C-alpha atoms as a PDB file:
ATOM      1  CA  MET A   1    -118.195-123.857 -10.669  1.00  0.00           C
ATOM      2  CA  SER A   2    -116.473-126.893  -9.110  1.00  0.00           C
ATOM      3  CA  PRO A   3    -117.132-130.540 -10.005  1.00  0.00           C
ATOM      4  CA  SER A   4    -120.405-131.845  -8.468  1.00  0.00           C
ATOM      5  CA  ARG A   5    -120.343-133.825  -5.247  1.00  0.00           C
ATOM      6  CA  PHE A   6    -123.767-135.236  -5.765  1.00  0.00           C
ATOM      7  CA  THR A   7    -124.201-138.904  -5.322  1.00  0.00           C
ATOM      8  CA  ALA A   8    -125.820-140.975  -8.096  1.00  0.00           C
ATOM      9  CA  LEU A   9    -129.133-141.001  -6.211  1.00  0.00           C
ATOM     10  CA  GLN A  10    -129.113-137.335  -5.379  1.00  0.00           C
ATOM     11  CA  GLU A  11    -128.614-136.463  -9.041  1.00  0.00           C
ATOM     12  CA  ARG A  12    -131.263-139.008 -10.084  1.00  0.00           C
ATOM     13  CA  VAL A  13    -133.770-137.341  -7.671  1.00  0.00           C
ATOM     14  CA  LEU A  14    -133.123-133.894  -8.939  1.00  0.00           C
ATOM     15  CA  ILE A  15    -133.352-134.918 -12.608  1.00  0.00           C
ATOM     16  CA  ALA A  16    -136.596-136.869 -11.916  1.00  0.00           C
ATOM     17  CA  LEU A  17    -138.160-133.779 -10.219  1.00  0.00           C
ATOM     18  CA  ALA A  18    -137.109-131.235 -12.879  1.00  0.00           C
ATOM     19  CA  THR A  19    -140.570-131.306 -14.431  1.00  0.00           C
ATOM     20  CA  ILE A  20    -142.526-130.601 -11.223  1.00  0.00           C
ATOM     21  CA  ALA A  21    -144.744-127.536 -11.514  1.00  0.00           C
ATOM     22  CA  PRO A  22    -144.634-125.037 -10.021  1.00  0.00           C
ATOM     23  CA  PRO A  23    -140.855-125.373 -10.157  1.00  0.00           C
ATOM     24  CA  TRP A  24    -138.714-125.658  -7.045  1.00  0.00           C
ATOM     25  CA  THR A  25    -135.247-124.088  -6.349  1.00  0.00           C
ATOM     26  CA  LEU A  26    -132.333-126.083  -4.954  1.00  0.00           C
ATOM     27  CA  THR A  27    -130.728-124.363  -2.071  1.00  0.00           C
ATOM     28  CA  GLY A  28    -128.620-124.901   1.082  1.00  0.00           C
ATOM     29  CA  GLY A  29    -125.659-127.258   1.291  1.00  0.00           C
ATOM     30  CA  GLY A  30    -126.867-129.251  -1.689  1.00  0.00           C
ATOM     31  CA  ALA A  31    -126.612-126.220  -3.929  1.00  0.00           C
ATOM     32  CA  LEU A  32    -123.203-125.209  -2.539  1.00  0.00           C
ATOM     33  CA  THR A  33    -121.653-128.712  -2.757  1.00  0.00           C
ATOM     34  CA  GLY A  34    -123.391-130.061  -5.822  1.00  0.00           C
ATOM     35  CA  ILE A  35    -123.499-126.967  -8.083  1.00  0.00           C
ATOM     36  CA  TYR A  36    -121.111-124.314  -6.828  1.00  0.00           C
ATOM     37  CA  TYR A  37    -118.127-125.321  -4.781  1.00  0.00           C
ATOM     38  CA  GLY A  38    -117.906-129.092  -4.261  1.00  0.00           C
ATOM     39  CA  HIS A  39    -116.179-128.486  -0.936  1.00  0.00           C
ATOM     40  CA  ARG A  40    -117.924-131.266   1.051  1.00  0.00           C
ATOM     41  CA  ASP A  41    -120.385-134.126   0.754  1.00  0.00           C
ATOM     42  CA  THR A  42    -124.074-133.487   1.483  1.00  0.00           C
ATOM     43  CA  ARG A  43    -126.588-135.849   3.025  1.00  0.00           C
ATOM     44  CA  ASP A  44    -129.765-134.043   2.071  1.00  0.00           C
ATOM     45  CA  LEU A  45    -131.355-131.928  -0.595  1.00  0.00           C
ATOM     46  CA  ASP A  46    -133.309-128.730   0.173  1.00  0.00           C
ATOM     47  CA  LEU A  47    -136.011-127.879  -2.401  1.00  0.00           C
ATOM     48  CA  PHE A  48    -137.679-124.475  -1.831  1.00  0.00           C
ATOM     49  CA  TRP A  49    -140.826-123.099  -3.410  1.00  0.00           C
ATOM     50  CA  HIS A  50    -140.227-119.370  -3.132  1.00  0.00           C
ATOM     51  CA  ALA A  51    -143.287-117.143  -2.710  1.00  0.00           C
ATOM     52  CA  LEU A  52    -145.409-120.053  -1.465  1.00  0.00           C
ATOM     53  CA  ASP A  53    -146.601-120.159   2.206  1.00  0.00           C
ATOM     54  CA  LYS A  54    -148.006-123.759   1.970  1.00  0.00           C
ATOM     55  CA  LEU A  55    -146.959-126.802   0.057  1.00  0.00           C
ATOM     56  CA  GLU A  56    -150.558-127.937  -0.545  1.00  0.00           C
ATOM     57  CA  ARG A  57    -150.419-131.086  -2.796  1.00  0.00           C
ATOM     58  CA  LEU A  58    -146.813-130.693  -3.920  1.00  0.00           C
ATOM     59  CA  PRO A  59    -145.499-133.465  -1.598  1.00  0.00           C
ATOM     60  CA  GLU A  60    -147.949-135.900  -3.166  1.00  0.00           C
ATOM     61  CA  GLN A  61    -146.781-134.908  -6.622  1.00  0.00           C
ATOM     62  CA  VAL A  62    -143.116-135.221  -5.680  1.00  0.00           C
ATOM     63  CA  THR A  63    -143.698-138.608  -4.056  1.00  0.00           C
ATOM     64  CA  ARG A  64    -145.555-139.961  -7.074  1.00  0.00           C
ATOM     65  CA  THR A  65    -142.897-138.709  -9.476  1.00  0.00           C
ATOM     66  CA  LEU A  66    -140.054-140.308  -7.535  1.00  0.00           C
ATOM     67  CA  ARG A  67    -141.925-143.626  -7.219  1.00  0.00           C
ATOM     68  CA  ASP A  68    -142.694-143.628 -10.932  1.00  0.00           C
ATOM     69  CA  ALA A  69    -138.967-143.210 -11.484  1.00  0.00           C
ATOM     70  CA  GLY A  70    -138.345-146.404  -9.503  1.00  0.00           C
ATOM     71  CA  MET A  71    -137.395-145.003  -6.088  1.00  0.00           C
ATOM     72  CA  GLU A  72    -138.748-145.890  -2.681  1.00  0.00           C
ATOM     73  CA  VAL A  73    -140.220-142.856  -0.804  1.00  0.00           C
ATOM     74  CA  SER A  74    -141.463-142.363   2.747  1.00  0.00           C
ATOM     75  CA  SER A  75    -142.511-139.272   4.685  1.00  0.00           C
ATOM     76  CA  THR A  76    -140.652-138.613   7.891  1.00  0.00           C
ATOM     77  CA  GLN A  77    -142.050-135.187   8.829  1.00  0.00           C
ATOM     78  CA  VAL A  78    -145.187-133.476   7.608  1.00  0.00           C
ATOM     79  CA  GLU A  79    -146.192-129.874   8.137  1.00  0.00           C
ATOM     80  CA  PRO A  80    -148.115-127.358   5.945  1.00  0.00           C
ATOM     81  CA  ALA A  81    -144.924-125.582   4.872  1.00  0.00           C
ATOM     82  CA  PHE A  82    -142.407-128.367   5.392  1.00  0.00           C
ATOM     83  CA  HIS A  83    -142.378-131.978   4.286  1.00  0.00           C
ATOM     84  CA  GLN A  84    -139.383-134.295   4.699  1.00  0.00           C
ATOM     85  CA  LEU A  85    -138.981-137.386   2.558  1.00  0.00           C
ATOM     86  CA  LEU A  86    -136.581-140.286   2.807  1.00  0.00           C
ATOM     87  CA  VAL A  87    -135.803-141.537  -0.675  1.00  0.00           C
ATOM     88  CA  SER A  88    -133.885-144.763  -1.346  1.00  0.00           C
ATOM     89  CA  ALA A  89    -132.803-146.861  -4.321  1.00  0.00           C
ATOM     90  CA  GLY A  90    -129.934-149.241  -4.966  1.00  0.00           C
ATOM     91  CA  GLY A  91    -128.816-149.314  -1.392  1.00  0.00           C
ATOM     92  CA  GLU A  92    -128.422-145.537  -1.234  1.00  0.00           C
ATOM     93  CA  ARG A  93    -130.535-143.053   0.734  1.00  0.00           C
ATOM     94  CA  VAL A  94    -131.050-139.308   0.643  1.00  0.00           C
ATOM     95  CA  VAL A  95    -133.214-136.997   2.692  1.00  0.00           C
ATOM     96  CA  VAL A  96    -135.239-134.531   0.620  1.00  0.00           C
ATOM     97  CA  ASP A  97    -136.740-131.497   2.336  1.00  0.00           C
ATOM     98  CA  LEU A  98    -139.631-129.708   0.606  1.00  0.00           C
ATOM     99  CA  VAL A  99    -140.123-126.161   1.905  1.00  0.00           C
ATOM    100  CA  ALA A 100    -142.663-123.463   1.165  1.00  0.00           C
ATOM    101  CA  ASP A 101    -140.710-120.196   1.647  1.00  0.00           C
ATOM    102  CA  PRO A 102    -142.712-116.956   1.398  1.00  0.00           C
ATOM    103  CA  VAL A 103    -139.808-114.762   2.523  1.00  0.00           C
ATOM    104  CA  PRO A 104    -138.493-112.569  -0.314  1.00  0.00           C
ATOM    105  CA  VAL A 105    -135.136-113.695  -1.722  1.00  0.00           C
ATOM    106  CA  ILE A 106    -132.003-111.598  -1.377  1.00  0.00           C
ATOM    107  CA  GLU A 107    -130.923-112.372  -4.993  1.00  0.00           C
ATOM    108  CA  ALA A 108    -132.824-114.105  -7.745  1.00  0.00           C
ATOM    109  CA  PRO A 109    -132.068-117.790  -8.394  1.00  0.00           C
ATOM    110  CA  VAL A 110    -129.863-118.902 -11.341  1.00  0.00           C
ATOM    111  CA  THR A 111    -130.352-121.810 -13.735  1.00  0.00           C
ATOM    112  CA  ALA A 112    -127.881-124.652 -13.800  1.00  0.00           C
ATOM    113  CA  GLN A 113    -127.360-127.605 -16.055  1.00  0.00           C
ATOM    114  CA  LEU A 114    -127.595-131.018 -14.385  1.00  0.00           C
ATOM    115  CA  GLY A 115    -127.307-133.954 -16.733  1.00  0.00           C
ATOM    116  CA  SER A 116    -129.944-133.510 -19.431  1.00  0.00           C
ATOM    117  CA  VAL A 117    -132.101-130.992 -17.489  1.00  0.00           C
ATOM    118  CA  ARG A 118    -131.828-127.510 -16.187  1.00  0.00           C
ATOM    119  CA  ILE A 119    -132.755-126.692 -12.626  1.00  0.00           C
ATOM    120  CA  SER A 120    -133.258-123.477 -10.571  1.00  0.00           C
ATOM    121  CA  VAL A 121    -130.617-122.935  -7.939  1.00  0.00           C
ATOM    122  CA  ASP A 122    -130.451-120.229  -5.266  1.00  0.00           C
ATOM    123  CA  ALA A 123    -127.713-117.679  -5.650  1.00  0.00           C
ATOM    124  CA  PRO A 124    -124.745-117.893  -3.231  1.00  0.00           C
ATOM    125  CA  ALA A 125    -125.770-114.600  -1.590  1.00  0.00           C
ATOM    126  CA  GLU A 126    -129.269-116.041  -0.822  1.00  0.00           C
ATOM    127  CA  ILE A 127    -127.749-119.238   0.625  1.00  0.00           C
ATOM    128  CA  PHE A 128    -125.249-117.186   2.693  1.00  0.00           C
ATOM    129  CA  ALA A 129    -127.995-115.194   4.416  1.00  0.00           C
ATOM    130  CA  ASN A 130    -129.964-118.397   5.115  1.00  0.00           C
ATOM    131  CA  LYS A 131    -126.807-120.127   6.459  1.00  0.00           C
ATOM    132  CA  LEU A 132    -126.290-117.298   8.974  1.00  0.00           C
ATOM    133  CA  CYS A 133    -129.903-117.651  10.146  1.00  0.00           C
ATOM    134  CA  ALA A 134    -129.441-121.421  10.408  1.00  0.00           C
ATOM    135  CA  LEU A 135    -126.384-121.006  12.623  1.00  0.00           C
ATOM    136  CA  LEU A 136    -128.643-119.287  15.209  1.00  0.00           C
ATOM    137  CA  GLY A 137    -130.935-122.278  15.516  1.00  0.00           C
ATOM    138  CA  ARG A 138    -128.906-125.471  15.258  1.00  0.00           C
ATOM    139  CA  ASN A 139    -125.505-126.950  16.181  1.00  0.00           C
ATOM    140  CA  GLU A 140    -124.323-128.131  12.774  1.00  0.00           C
ATOM    141  CA  LEU A 141    -120.677-127.989  11.728  1.00  0.00           C
ATOM    142  CA  ARG A 142    -121.757-128.130   8.067  1.00  0.00           C
ATOM    143  CA  ASP A 143    -123.227-124.587   8.389  1.00  0.00           C
ATOM    144  CA  LEU A 144    -119.833-123.256   9.614  1.00  0.00           C
ATOM    145  CA  VAL A 145    -118.014-125.139   6.886  1.00  0.00           C
ATOM    146  CA  ASP A 146    -120.372-123.635   4.274  1.00  0.00           C
ATOM    147  CA  VAL A 147    -119.985-120.090   5.627  1.00  0.00           C
ATOM    148  CA  ARG A 148    -116.171-120.522   5.349  1.00  0.00           C
ATOM    149  CA  ALA A 149    -116.538-121.677   1.766  1.00  0.00           C
ATOM    150  CA  LEU A 150    -118.820-118.711   0.896  1.00  0.00           C
ATOM    151  CA  LEU A 151    -116.312-116.228   2.371  1.00  0.00           C
ATOM    152  CA  GLU A 152    -113.368-117.956   0.606  1.00  0.00           C
ATOM    153  CA  HIS A 153    -115.228-117.478  -2.705  1.00  0.00           C
ATOM    154  CA  GLY A 154    -115.477-113.754  -2.171  1.00  0.00           C
ATOM    155  CA  LEU A 155    -118.923-113.177  -0.740  1.00  0.00           C
ATOM    156  CA  SER A 156    -119.486-110.298   1.675  1.00  0.00           C
ATOM    157  CA  LEU A 157    -120.161-111.038   5.330  1.00  0.00           C
ATOM    158  CA  ASP A 158    -121.581-107.591   5.817  1.00  0.00           C
ATOM    159  CA  ALA A 159    -124.106-108.044   2.995  1.00  0.00           C
ATOM    160  CA  ALA A 160    -125.027-111.541   4.304  1.00  0.00           C
ATOM    161  CA  VAL A 161    -125.627-110.143   7.807  1.00  0.00           C
ATOM    162  CA  ARG A 162    -127.939-107.484   6.412  1.00  0.00           C
ATOM    163  CA  GLY A 163    -129.743-110.058   4.309  1.00  0.00           C
ATOM    164  CA  ALA A 164    -130.168-112.357   7.303  1.00  0.00           C
ATOM    165  CA  ALA A 165    -131.602-109.482   9.339  1.00  0.00           C
ATOM    166  CA  ASN A 166    -134.137-108.793   6.586  1.00  0.00           C
ATOM    167  CA  LYS A 167    -135.217-112.458   6.637  1.00  0.00           C
ATOM    168  CA  ASP A 168    -135.305-112.809  10.430  1.00  0.00           C
ATOM    169  CA  THR A 169    -136.193-109.813  12.611  1.00  0.00           C
ATOM    170  CA  GLY A 170    -134.568-111.551  15.608  1.00  0.00           C
ATOM    171  CA  PHE A 171    -131.206-111.806  13.867  1.00  0.00           C
ATOM    172  CA  SER A 172    -128.202-109.726  14.725  1.00  0.00           C
ATOM    173  CA  ALA A 173    -124.465-110.045  14.132  1.00  0.00           C
ATOM    174  CA  LEU A 174    -123.825-109.813  17.904  1.00  0.00           C
ATOM    175  CA  THR A 175    -126.274-112.601  18.694  1.00  0.00           C
ATOM    176  CA  LEU A 176    -124.818-114.785  15.989  1.00  0.00           C
ATOM    177  CA  ALA A 177    -121.289-114.162  17.358  1.00  0.00           C
ATOM    178  CA  TRP A 178    -122.418-115.268  20.827  1.00  0.00           C
ATOM    179  CA  THR A 179    -124.184-118.337  19.396  1.00  0.00           C
ATOM    180  CA  ILE A 180    -121.155-119.475  17.439  1.00  0.00           C
ATOM    181  CA  ARG A 181    -118.932-119.029  20.503  1.00  0.00           C
ATOM    182  CA  GLN A 182    -121.162-121.558  22.324  1.00  0.00           C
ATOM    183  CA  LEU A 183    -120.923-124.081  19.478  1.00  0.00           C
ATOM    184  CA  PRO A 184    -119.331-127.278  20.918  1.00  0.00           C
ATOM    185  CA  LEU A 185    -116.992-127.485  17.951  1.00  0.00           C
ATOM    186  CA  GLU A 186    -114.516-130.019  19.322  1.00  0.00           C
ATOM    187  CA  ARG A 187    -117.222-132.473  20.394  1.00  0.00           C
ATOM    188  CA  LEU A 188    -119.081-132.103  17.105  1.00  0.00           C
ATOM    189  CA  ALA A 189    -115.875-132.518  15.100  1.00  0.00           C
ATOM    190  CA  THR A 190    -114.996-135.720  16.974  1.00  0.00           C
ATOM    191  CA  ALA A 191    -118.479-137.097  16.431  1.00  0.00           C
ATOM    192  CA  ALA A 192    -118.213-136.310  12.723  1.00  0.00           C
ATOM    193  CA  GLY A 193    -114.858-138.051  12.439  1.00  0.00           C
ATOM    194  CA  MET A 194    -113.069-134.834  11.496  1.00  0.00           C
ATOM    195  CA  SER A 195    -109.297-134.964  11.692  1.00  0.00           C
ATOM    196  CA  VAL A 196    -107.530-132.973  14.368  1.00  0.00           C
ATOM    197  CA  PRO A 197    -105.870-130.576  11.890  1.00  0.00           C
ATOM    198  CA  ALA A 198    -109.207-129.962  10.102  1.00  0.00           C
ATOM    199  CA  ALA A 199    -111.004-129.323  13.429  1.00  0.00           C
ATOM    200  CA  GLN A 200    -108.275-126.945  14.488  1.00  0.00           C
ATOM    201  CA  ALA A 201    -108.489-125.044  11.235  1.00  0.00           C
ATOM    202  CA  LEU A 202    -112.265-124.775  11.602  1.00  0.00           C
ATOM    203  CA  ALA A 203    -111.864-123.573  15.201  1.00  0.00           C
ATOM    204  CA  ALA A 204    -109.507-120.885  14.030  1.00  0.00           C
ATOM    205  CA  PHE A 205    -112.012-119.816  11.371  1.00  0.00           C
ATOM    206  CA  ARG A 206    -114.775-119.711  13.991  1.00  0.00           C
ATOM    207  CA  ASP A 207    -112.718-117.340  16.134  1.00  0.00           C
ATOM    208  CA  GLU A 208    -112.003-115.121  13.111  1.00  0.00           C
ATOM    209  CA  LEU A 209    -115.691-115.092  12.194  1.00  0.00           C
ATOM    210  CA  ILE A 210    -116.674-114.099  15.784  1.00  0.00           C
ATOM    211  CA  ALA A 211    -114.191-111.224  15.637  1.00  0.00           C
ATOM    212  CA  GLU A 212    -115.559-110.019  12.248  1.00  0.00           C
ATOM    213  CA  LEU A 213    -119.163-110.317  13.404  1.00  0.00           C
ATOM    214  CA  THR A 214    -118.321-108.378  16.546  1.00  0.00           C
ATOM    215  CA  SER A 215    -116.587-105.607  14.564  1.00  0.00           C
ATOM    216  CA  LEU A 216    -119.750-105.180  12.455  1.00  0.00           C
ATOM    217  CA  THR A 217    -121.627-104.126  15.581  1.00  0.00           C
ATOM    218  CA  ALA A 218    -118.957-101.743  16.845  1.00  0.00           C
ATOM    219  CA  PRO A 219    -119.908 -98.009  16.604  1.00  0.00           C
ATOM    220  CA  SER A 220    -118.057 -95.925  14.003  1.00  0.00           C
ATOM    221  CA  PHE A 221    -116.798 -92.540  15.176  1.00  0.00           C
ATOM    222  CA  GLY A 222    -115.762 -89.526  13.188  1.00  0.00           C
ATOM    223  CA  ARG A 223    -118.317 -90.056  10.388  1.00  0.00           C
END
């Protein structure tokens, strides 16, 4: 695992919430950048409660725990299965997404040491499948950057595509390839302050990914 890219506040939030029951699992870009790869910064933390379809009173418990630890907390989006918090302290802010996720996982979470506590973290294969699903629904360069990191660390695109299809019945490799092709990469890269060489490298990766996704849908003859 690479050195953590968590900010002081992000690590403080996770450590403070380690005693919440039932326990949550860190996933998404926060898990990839803070626990596994350290390949970019992250602006939010995704905490999933696997096998739950509603959060019930968990947001209240999380809010109370963070406030007791000296942080300011406000809710910015509230739904039965999704609750977004804005947490601040010492001039720093972090968005914390609380998610009830009843969809079965592709691979069981692992346990990671963070400071003085141990937390549950989604396995890279689970995050990969979710990242492919996310690419279908939002224009975020970070998802493409994360997919590149996952592939560079040896994960299987074919397995991730199959996992994504199990999670989302509307998912297909061909649809994802078409969606990625429409991604306004140059505009998003400029808005994010990405350097020209970095944007060009990401564009080249996008084209390679489209080709690989398309090849997964091609019929195989002679079998």
